[in-house]
């Protein structure tokens, strides 16, 4: 059975995401320090970074939403099943 490599995958994702965030931040700071206006390339870099962050997180958020709604449904169903019966 293969060993669990999940920590290595998290580390690889975190390192590359952090490096990309730092590079983008340094790019914007360099533009401001040199008093150069932001051009379309800078805006495109920000859009690409935000888009990649969204697409990296959206599968996890979707799974959490599905699991959360399933747990909500199960808890409501459980309450309905274990509700005391009314005696008339």
Protein backbone atom coordinates (compact mmCIF):
# COMPACT_ATOMS: atom_id res chain seq x y z
CA UNK A 1 0.00 0.00 0.00
CA UNK A 2 1.48 3.39 -0.96
CA UNK A 3 2.45 5.82 1.76
CA UNK A 4 0.36 8.93 2.36
CA UNK A 5 1.86 11.78 0.34
CA UNK A 6 -0.73 14.37 1.27
CA UNK A 7 1.67 16.52 3.37
CA UNK A 8 4.10 16.67 0.44
CA UNK A 9 1.32 17.80 -1.90
CA UNK A 10 0.19 20.48 0.54
CA UNK A 11 3.78 21.70 0.91
CA UNK A 12 4.29 21.83 -2.85
CA UNK A 13 1.06 23.77 -3.37
CA UNK A 14 1.76 26.16 -0.51
CA UNK A 15 5.32 26.88 -1.64
CA UNK A 16 4.36 27.65 -5.24
CA UNK A 17 1.33 29.72 -4.22
CA UNK A 18 3.44 31.73 -1.76
CA UNK A 19 6.15 32.27 -4.37
CA UNK A 20 3.58 33.50 -6.90
CA UNK A 21 1.99 35.84 -4.34
CA UNK A 22 5.39 37.28 -3.39
CA UNK A 23 6.38 37.76 -7.03
CA UNK A 24 3.13 39.58 -7.79
CA UNK A 25 3.44 41.76 -4.69
CA UNK A 26 7.06 42.65 -5.54
CA UNK A 27 6.04 43.48 -9.10
CA UNK A 28 3.38 45.93 -7.91
CA UNK A 29 5.67 47.45 -5.26
CA UNK A 30 8.42 47.90 -7.86
CA UNK A 31 5.97 49.72 -10.14
CA UNK A 32 4.98 52.04 -7.30
CA UNK A 33 8.57 52.71 -6.16
CA UNK A 34 9.65 53.61 -9.69
CA UNK A 35 6.50 55.74 -10.04
CA UNK A 36 5.45 53.85 -13.13
CA UNK A 37 1.77 53.39 -13.80
CA UNK A 38 0.32 49.93 -13.81
CA UNK A 39 -0.14 48.67 -17.36
CA UNK A 40 -2.35 45.96 -18.82
CA UNK A 41 0.26 43.28 -18.06
CA UNK A 42 0.04 44.06 -14.34
CA UNK A 43 -3.74 43.88 -14.34
CA UNK A 44 -3.60 40.64 -16.30
CA UNK A 45 -1.14 39.19 -13.74
CA UNK A 46 -3.52 40.08 -10.89
CA UNK A 47 -6.48 38.54 -12.75
CA UNK A 48 -4.47 35.38 -13.44
CA UNK A 49 -3.41 35.10 -9.80
CA UNK A 50 -6.94 35.56 -8.47
CA UNK A 51 -8.33 33.17 -11.06
CA UNK A 52 -5.79 30.47 -10.23
CA UNK A 53 -6.44 30.91 -6.51
CA UNK A 54 -10.18 30.54 -7.11
CA UNK A 55 -9.75 27.44 -9.26
CA UNK A 56 -7.41 25.92 -6.71
CA UNK A 57 -9.87 26.45 -3.86
CA UNK A 58 -13.18 25.87 -5.62
CA UNK A 59 -13.04 22.04 -5.64
CA UNK A 60 -12.43 22.03 -1.89
CA UNK A 61 -15.19 24.56 -1.28
CA UNK A 62 -17.57 22.56 -3.46
CA UNK A 63 -16.84 19.39 -1.52
CA UNK A 64 -17.33 21.21 1.78
CA UNK A 65 -20.63 22.64 0.55
CA UNK A 66 -21.87 19.22 -0.59
CA UNK A 67 -20.77 17.51 2.61
CA UNK A 68 -22.21 20.33 4.71
CA UNK A 69 -25.58 20.15 2.97
CA UNK A 70 -25.56 16.36 3.33
CA UNK A 71 -24.93 16.69 7.07
CA UNK A 72 -27.68 19.30 7.36
CA UNK A 73 -30.09 17.01 5.53
CA UNK A 74 -29.11 14.05 7.70
CA UNK A 75 -29.52 16.02 10.92
CA UNK A 76 -32.97 17.24 9.86
CA UNK A 77 -33.98 13.74 8.80
CA UNK A 78 -32.68 12.33 12.08
CA UNK A 79 -34.72 14.84 14.08
CA UNK A 80 -37.81 13.97 12.10
CA UNK A 81 -37.33 10.25 12.63
CA UNK A 82 -36.68 10.53 16.36
CA UNK A 83 -39.42 13.05 17.05
CA UNK A 84 -41.84 11.93 19.74
CA UNK A 85 -45.18 10.89 18.37
CA UNK A 86 -48.20 13.02 19.17
CA UNK A 87 -50.86 11.29 21.19
CA UNK A 88 -54.42 12.34 20.46
